[in-house]
N, C-alpha and C. Protein backbone atom coordinates (compact mmCIF):
# COMPACT_ATOMS: atom_id res chain seq x y z
N MET A 1 134.72 27.42 17.52
CA MET A 1 133.34 26.96 16.91
C MET A 1 133.59 25.60 16.32
N LYS A 2 134.57 25.08 15.98
CA LYS A 2 134.83 23.51 15.29
C LYS A 2 134.35 22.79 16.54
N LEU A 3 134.79 23.18 17.74
CA LEU A 3 134.62 22.25 18.89
C LEU A 3 133.16 21.96 19.24
N THR A 4 131.97 23.11 18.64
CA THR A 4 130.63 22.84 19.12
C THR A 4 130.16 21.95 17.75
N VAL A 5 130.69 22.18 16.52
CA VAL A 5 130.28 21.34 15.38
C VAL A 5 130.81 19.74 16.09
N ILE A 6 132.06 19.71 16.23
CA ILE A 6 132.38 18.38 16.59
C ILE A 6 131.50 17.61 17.71
N SER A 7 131.23 18.57 18.67
CA SER A 7 130.20 17.91 19.59
C SER A 7 129.03 17.69 19.46
N LYS A 8 128.46 18.52 18.46
CA LYS A 8 126.91 18.32 17.84
C LYS A 8 126.89 16.60 17.04
N ASN A 9 128.22 16.76 16.16
CA ASN A 9 128.44 15.58 15.54
C ASN A 9 128.38 14.06 16.30
N ILE A 10 129.34 14.47 17.37
CA ILE A 10 129.17 13.49 18.68
C ILE A 10 128.19 13.14 19.23
N THR A 11 127.43 14.15 19.35
CA THR A 11 125.99 13.63 19.62
C THR A 11 125.28 13.03 18.75
N GLY A 12 125.20 13.19 17.91
CA GLY A 12 124.28 12.56 16.66
C GLY A 12 124.67 11.23 16.73
N LEU A 13 126.09 11.04 16.44
CA LEU A 13 126.76 9.69 16.36
C LEU A 13 126.19 8.77 17.28
N TYR A 14 126.34 9.22 18.41
CA TYR A 14 126.07 8.48 19.73
C TYR A 14 124.11 7.94 19.60
N ARG A 15 123.41 9.14 19.09
CA ARG A 15 122.13 8.87 18.95
C ARG A 15 121.94 8.13 17.89
N ASP A 16 122.53 7.83 16.88
CA ASP A 16 122.56 7.22 15.74
C ASP A 16 123.12 5.79 15.87
N ILE A 17 123.86 5.46 16.86
CA ILE A 17 124.47 4.16 17.41
C ILE A 17 123.39 3.28 18.09
N SER A 18 122.69 4.36 18.99
CA SER A 18 121.63 3.77 19.67
C SER A 18 120.29 3.40 18.78
N ASP A 19 120.02 4.30 17.88
CA ASP A 19 119.13 4.08 17.19
C ASP A 19 119.33 2.75 16.23
N PHE A 20 120.68 2.48 16.04
CA PHE A 20 120.72 1.21 15.02
C PHE A 20 120.75 0.09 16.33
N LYS A 21 121.19 -0.07 17.32
CA LYS A 21 121.18 -1.24 18.36
C LYS A 21 119.61 -1.77 18.32
N LYS A 22 118.56 -0.48 18.61
CA LYS A 22 117.43 -0.80 19.00
C LYS A 22 116.50 -1.66 17.62
N GLY A 23 117.33 -1.46 16.49
CA GLY A 23 116.51 -1.99 15.36
C GLY A 23 115.51 -1.12 14.80
N TYR A 24 115.12 -1.18 13.57
CA TYR A 24 114.07 -0.72 12.74
C TYR A 24 112.91 -0.94 13.41
N GLN A 25 112.34 0.56 13.62
CA GLN A 25 110.92 0.54 14.32
C GLN A 25 110.26 1.64 13.60
N PRO A 26 109.61 0.97 12.50
CA PRO A 26 108.55 1.97 11.58
C PRO A 26 108.04 2.94 12.57
N ARG A 27 107.59 4.20 12.04
CA ARG A 27 106.59 4.77 12.71
C ARG A 27 105.47 5.06 11.76
N ILE A 28 104.54 5.07 12.29
CA ILE A 28 103.05 5.30 11.80
C ILE A 28 102.47 6.49 12.25
N ASN A 29 102.17 7.71 11.57
CA ASN A 29 101.04 8.79 12.16
C ASN A 29 99.98 8.55 11.69
N VAL A 30 99.20 8.29 12.87
CA VAL A 30 97.89 8.36 12.55
C VAL A 30 96.94 8.81 13.75
N VAL A 31 95.88 9.64 12.92
CA VAL A 31 94.99 10.35 13.79
C VAL A 31 93.40 9.86 13.44
N LYS A 32 92.63 10.11 14.26
CA LYS A 32 91.15 9.92 14.24
C LYS A 32 90.59 11.35 13.66
N ASP A 33 89.97 11.57 12.78
CA ASP A 33 89.03 12.55 12.22
C ASP A 33 87.59 12.70 13.06
N GLU A 34 86.97 13.74 12.92
CA GLU A 34 85.56 13.88 13.51
C GLU A 34 84.70 12.74 13.81
N ARG A 35 84.89 11.71 12.48
CA ARG A 35 83.97 11.08 12.54
C ARG A 35 84.50 9.37 12.93
N ASP A 36 85.72 9.69 13.89
CA ASP A 36 86.57 8.68 14.45
C ASP A 36 87.16 7.60 13.26
N ASP A 37 87.09 7.95 12.38
CA ASP A 37 88.02 7.33 11.04
C ASP A 37 89.40 8.06 10.87
N LEU A 38 90.22 6.90 10.78
CA LEU A 38 91.65 6.84 10.83
C LEU A 38 92.07 7.68 9.79
N VAL A 39 93.04 8.51 10.04
CA VAL A 39 93.29 9.48 8.68
C VAL A 39 95.43 9.19 8.97
N THR A 40 95.84 8.87 7.76
CA THR A 40 97.24 8.69 7.77
C THR A 40 98.37 9.64 7.02
N ASP A 41 97.37 10.28 6.03
CA ASP A 41 98.17 11.30 5.01
C ASP A 41 98.46 12.39 5.94
N SER A 42 99.79 13.12 5.75
CA SER A 42 100.32 14.26 6.57
C SER A 42 99.46 15.42 6.59
N HIS A 43 98.90 15.65 5.05
CA HIS A 43 98.37 16.96 5.05
C HIS A 43 96.67 17.11 5.66
N SER A 44 96.24 15.58 5.67
CA SER A 44 94.91 15.66 6.54
C SER A 44 95.37 15.43 7.81
N ILE A 45 96.33 15.11 8.54
CA ILE A 45 96.88 14.89 9.96
C ILE A 45 96.79 16.45 10.44
N LEU A 46 97.78 17.48 9.59
CA LEU A 46 98.04 18.74 9.89
C LEU A 46 96.43 19.38 10.11
N ALA A 47 95.83 19.32 8.81
CA ALA A 47 94.34 19.90 9.00
C ALA A 47 93.58 19.36 10.18
N ARG A 48 93.49 18.16 10.56
CA ARG A 48 92.90 17.52 11.46
C ARG A 48 93.35 18.41 13.12
N TRP A 49 95.02 18.49 13.24
CA TRP A 49 95.36 19.18 14.56
C TRP A 49 94.74 20.52 14.50
N ARG A 50 94.85 21.30 13.54
CA ARG A 50 94.73 22.90 12.97
C ARG A 50 93.13 22.71 13.51
N ASN A 51 92.36 22.32 13.16
CA ASN A 51 90.88 22.45 13.13
C ASN A 51 90.73 21.96 14.65
N HIS A 52 91.07 20.84 15.30
CA HIS A 52 91.42 20.50 16.80
C HIS A 52 91.56 21.49 17.60
N PHE A 53 92.61 22.50 17.55
CA PHE A 53 92.83 23.14 18.30
C PHE A 53 92.31 24.68 18.08
N CYS A 54 91.96 24.91 16.89
CA CYS A 54 91.03 26.23 16.71
C CYS A 54 89.61 26.21 17.55
N GLN A 55 89.05 24.92 17.56
CA GLN A 55 87.57 24.49 18.25
C GLN A 55 88.12 24.59 19.65
N VAL A 56 88.92 24.08 20.12
CA VAL A 56 89.77 24.07 21.72
C VAL A 56 89.82 25.70 21.89
N LEU A 57 90.66 26.11 21.08
CA LEU A 57 91.51 27.15 21.69
C LEU A 57 90.33 28.59 21.29
N ASN A 58 89.43 28.77 20.42
CA ASN A 58 88.82 29.88 19.84
C ASN A 58 87.23 29.48 20.02
N VAL A 59 86.69 28.76 21.19
CA VAL A 59 85.43 28.74 21.23
C VAL A 59 84.58 29.94 21.71
N HIS A 60 83.69 29.93 20.44
CA HIS A 60 82.82 31.38 20.67
C HIS A 60 81.21 31.13 21.15
N VAL A 61 80.93 29.73 20.65
CA VAL A 61 79.68 29.16 21.01
C VAL A 61 79.48 28.88 22.52
N GLU A 62 78.61 29.24 23.15
CA GLU A 62 78.56 28.51 24.42
C GLU A 62 77.76 27.78 24.71
N ASN A 63 77.76 26.98 23.91
CA ASN A 63 76.97 25.28 24.30
C ASN A 63 78.47 24.69 24.38
N TYR A 64 79.39 24.90 23.83
CA TYR A 64 80.89 24.24 24.07
C TYR A 64 81.39 24.22 25.37
N VAL A 65 81.30 25.01 26.07
CA VAL A 65 81.90 25.63 27.56
C VAL A 65 80.83 25.71 28.38
N LYS A 66 80.91 25.16 29.41
CA LYS A 66 79.92 25.29 30.69
C LYS A 66 80.73 26.50 31.36
N GLN A 67 79.88 27.21 31.41
CA GLN A 67 80.29 28.38 32.34
C GLN A 67 79.76 28.91 33.44
N THR A 68 80.33 28.97 34.41
CA THR A 68 79.92 29.00 35.74
C THR A 68 79.90 30.49 36.27
N GLU A 69 78.75 31.20 36.60
CA GLU A 69 78.92 32.40 37.26
C GLU A 69 79.54 32.39 38.53
N ILE A 70 80.21 33.51 38.47
CA ILE A 70 81.27 33.74 39.88
C ILE A 70 80.67 35.36 40.35
N HIS A 71 80.09 35.90 41.48
CA HIS A 71 79.59 36.95 42.08
C HIS A 71 80.68 37.18 42.96
N THR A 72 81.58 38.40 42.61
CA THR A 72 82.30 39.05 43.60
C THR A 72 82.39 40.33 43.15
N THR A 73 82.98 40.82 44.39
CA THR A 73 83.15 42.62 44.70
C THR A 73 84.27 42.93 43.98
N GLU A 74 85.47 42.03 43.63
CA GLU A 74 86.49 42.32 43.13
C GLU A 74 86.64 41.39 41.81
N PRO A 75 87.90 42.06 40.79
CA PRO A 75 87.88 41.13 39.84
C PRO A 75 88.98 40.06 40.27
N LEU A 76 88.88 38.72 39.76
CA LEU A 76 89.61 37.59 40.26
C LEU A 76 90.82 37.78 40.09
N VAL A 77 91.24 38.84 38.94
CA VAL A 77 93.02 39.07 38.82
C VAL A 77 93.09 40.56 38.68
N SER A 78 93.81 41.11 39.34
CA SER A 78 93.93 42.74 38.92
C SER A 78 94.52 43.10 37.30
N GLU A 79 94.02 44.18 37.10
CA GLU A 79 94.83 44.65 35.69
C GLU A 79 96.40 44.68 35.86
N LEU A 80 96.53 44.76 34.58
CA LEU A 80 98.14 44.58 34.72
C LEU A 80 98.46 45.86 34.54
N SER A 81 99.84 46.51 35.78
CA SER A 81 100.23 47.84 35.75
C SER A 81 101.24 48.00 35.20
N ALA A 82 101.45 49.25 34.44
CA ALA A 82 102.49 49.94 33.87
C ALA A 82 104.01 49.30 34.54
N PHE A 83 103.97 49.23 35.50
CA PHE A 83 105.26 48.72 36.06
C PHE A 83 105.91 47.33 35.56
N GLU A 84 104.42 46.28 35.47
CA GLU A 84 104.66 44.92 35.35
C GLU A 84 104.99 44.81 33.59
N VAL A 85 104.56 45.80 33.12
CA VAL A 85 104.60 45.68 31.75
C VAL A 85 106.50 46.19 31.21
N GLU A 86 106.90 47.22 31.89
CA GLU A 86 108.15 47.52 31.79
C GLU A 86 109.20 46.70 32.41
N LEU A 87 108.83 45.68 33.31
CA LEU A 87 109.41 44.54 33.58
C LEU A 87 109.60 43.35 32.97
N ALA A 88 108.46 43.15 32.10
CA ALA A 88 108.24 42.16 30.99
C ALA A 88 108.94 42.51 29.93
N ILE A 89 109.00 43.50 29.41
CA ILE A 89 110.06 43.89 28.19
C ILE A 89 111.69 44.23 28.80
N GLU A 90 111.72 44.47 30.01
CA GLU A 90 113.15 44.31 30.12
C GLU A 90 113.75 42.89 30.17
N GLU A 91 112.82 41.90 30.59
CA GLU A 91 113.42 40.38 30.72
C GLU A 91 113.25 39.93 29.44
N LEU A 92 112.66 40.53 28.58
CA LEU A 92 112.88 39.66 27.28
C LEU A 92 114.22 39.72 26.74
N LYS A 93 114.36 38.36 26.17
CA LYS A 93 116.11 37.59 25.85
C LYS A 93 116.38 38.36 24.62
N SER A 94 117.59 39.29 24.86
CA SER A 94 117.90 39.42 23.33
C SER A 94 118.81 38.36 22.37
N HIS A 95 118.81 38.81 21.21
CA HIS A 95 119.88 38.21 20.06
C HIS A 95 118.88 36.75 19.99
N LYS A 96 117.46 36.71 20.04
CA LYS A 96 116.45 35.51 19.99
C LYS A 96 115.99 35.87 18.41
N LEU A 97 115.41 34.93 17.62
CA LEU A 97 114.83 35.11 16.36
C LEU A 97 113.81 35.59 16.89
N PRO A 98 113.06 36.56 16.22
CA PRO A 98 111.42 36.99 16.53
C PRO A 98 110.40 36.01 16.59
N ASP A 99 109.58 36.15 17.19
CA ASP A 99 108.38 35.31 17.10
C ASP A 99 107.69 35.40 15.92
N ILE A 100 106.52 35.03 15.91
CA ILE A 100 105.55 35.32 14.78
C ILE A 100 105.15 36.90 13.92
N ASP A 101 105.43 37.92 15.13
CA ASP A 101 105.02 38.82 14.72
C ASP A 101 106.28 39.78 14.15
N GLN A 102 107.45 38.89 14.19
CA GLN A 102 108.69 39.69 13.46
C GLN A 102 109.21 40.56 14.00
N ILE A 103 108.68 40.78 15.13
CA ILE A 103 109.36 42.19 16.11
C ILE A 103 110.47 41.69 16.91
N PRO A 104 111.83 41.94 16.72
CA PRO A 104 113.05 41.52 17.50
C PRO A 104 112.88 42.41 18.96
N ALA A 105 113.28 41.40 19.97
CA ALA A 105 113.13 41.69 21.15
C ALA A 105 113.98 43.19 21.63
N GLU A 106 115.03 43.28 21.00
CA GLU A 106 116.00 44.76 20.83
C GLU A 106 114.84 45.88 20.44
N LEU A 107 114.26 45.59 19.52
CA LEU A 107 113.46 46.63 19.01
C LEU A 107 112.12 46.87 19.85
N ILE A 108 111.90 46.06 20.73
CA ILE A 108 110.99 46.36 21.64
C ILE A 108 111.42 47.41 22.94
N LYS A 109 112.57 46.62 23.15
CA LYS A 109 113.52 46.91 24.28
C LYS A 109 113.75 48.87 24.02
N VAL A 110 114.28 49.15 23.25
CA VAL A 110 114.64 50.46 22.72
C VAL A 110 113.58 51.11 22.53
N GLY A 111 112.37 50.60 22.14
CA GLY A 111 111.21 51.66 22.25
C GLY A 111 110.90 52.63 23.25
N GLY A 112 111.55 52.55 24.59
CA GLY A 112 111.62 53.11 25.55
C GLY A 112 110.08 53.18 26.44
N ARG A 113 109.77 54.47 26.99
CA ARG A 113 108.68 54.60 27.56
C ARG A 113 107.40 54.73 26.64
N THR A 114 107.78 55.07 25.57
CA THR A 114 106.49 55.45 24.66
C THR A 114 105.78 54.23 24.38
N LEU A 115 106.89 53.35 23.80
CA LEU A 115 106.29 51.89 23.21
C LEU A 115 105.94 51.08 24.61
N GLN A 116 106.26 50.97 25.89
CA GLN A 116 105.79 50.49 27.25
C GLN A 116 104.38 51.05 27.20
N TYR A 117 104.33 52.40 27.13
CA TYR A 117 102.71 52.88 27.25
C TYR A 117 101.80 52.45 26.33
N GLU A 118 102.16 52.32 25.04
CA GLU A 118 101.29 51.79 24.12
C GLU A 118 101.26 50.31 24.47
N VAL A 119 101.91 49.11 24.76
CA VAL A 119 101.71 48.00 24.86
C VAL A 119 100.71 47.78 26.32
N HIS A 120 101.00 48.85 27.31
CA HIS A 120 100.15 48.61 28.40
C HIS A 120 98.72 49.32 28.02
N LYS A 121 98.42 50.04 27.16
CA LYS A 121 97.43 50.91 26.64
C LYS A 121 96.56 49.55 25.98
N LEU A 122 97.18 48.80 24.89
CA LEU A 122 97.02 47.85 24.22
C LEU A 122 96.45 46.30 25.24
N ILE A 123 97.03 46.10 26.14
CA ILE A 123 96.52 44.77 27.30
C ILE A 123 95.54 45.43 28.04
N THR A 124 95.56 46.87 28.28
CA THR A 124 94.35 47.18 29.31
C THR A 124 93.22 47.00 28.45
N SER A 125 92.96 47.75 26.81
CA SER A 125 91.97 47.75 26.44
C SER A 125 91.64 46.21 26.21
N ILE A 126 92.44 45.21 25.78
CA ILE A 126 91.96 43.62 25.80
C ILE A 126 91.57 43.14 27.02
N TRP A 127 91.82 43.66 28.25
CA TRP A 127 91.25 43.12 29.29
C TRP A 127 89.97 43.88 29.41
N LYS A 128 89.51 44.95 29.54
CA LYS A 128 88.41 45.63 29.50
C LYS A 128 87.13 45.18 28.31
N LYS A 129 87.81 45.15 27.31
CA LYS A 129 86.69 44.66 26.36
C LYS A 129 86.87 43.05 26.18
N GLU A 130 87.42 42.33 26.94
CA GLU A 130 87.49 41.05 26.77
C GLU A 130 87.86 40.24 25.92
N GLU A 131 88.32 41.06 24.75
CA GLU A 131 88.46 40.15 23.64
C GLU A 131 89.49 40.83 22.87
N PHE A 132 90.23 39.62 21.84
CA PHE A 132 91.36 40.02 21.25
C PHE A 132 91.25 40.79 20.01
N PRO A 133 92.26 41.57 19.53
CA PRO A 133 92.05 42.53 18.32
C PRO A 133 91.63 41.36 16.89
N GLU A 134 90.74 41.81 16.25
CA GLU A 134 90.75 40.75 14.98
C GLU A 134 91.85 40.55 14.33
N ASP A 135 92.86 41.21 14.44
CA ASP A 135 94.08 40.62 13.70
C ASP A 135 94.59 39.42 14.24
N TRP A 136 94.42 39.16 15.57
CA TRP A 136 95.01 37.91 16.13
C TRP A 136 94.65 36.76 15.98
N ASN A 137 93.02 36.61 15.56
CA ASN A 137 92.23 35.68 15.57
C ASN A 137 93.20 34.49 14.95
N CYS A 138 92.82 33.16 14.94
CA CYS A 138 93.39 32.00 14.25
C CYS A 138 92.82 31.75 12.94
N MET A 139 93.69 31.68 12.07
CA MET A 139 93.13 31.17 10.76
C MET A 139 92.68 29.82 10.57
N CYS A 140 91.43 29.87 10.67
CA CYS A 140 90.53 28.13 10.57
C CYS A 140 89.96 27.92 9.31
N LEU A 141 90.55 26.95 8.91
CA LEU A 141 90.21 26.72 7.43
C LEU A 141 89.02 25.46 7.68
């Protein structure tokens, strides 16, 4: 364990030496708001990025996206099979921090066939309704 700590310190040392050789380079975080005015304070920058991605990723108004109608007799992408869900759950990496849902991969893996069935049922429902559950929506301010 000490070797890992030492190697991380050495890596940091070399990075610090490299930064020192380059000299001081001030960083200024600046973004433009909706009216093309420059925003520099960190809270406004974070709010701007949050709003930007909420608008880009959660388009609900048809005016923002030009939709092309595609007429086919088959779906473009087939529904997810129960076997694909099983494989995806098996491939989850163990001993990692849980994601935003706070559910560890180990817990999902030990859920067995019952959990696999419920996950598959949820994904199939989302696929058929073409909308995510209300709880999954972005909290846009």
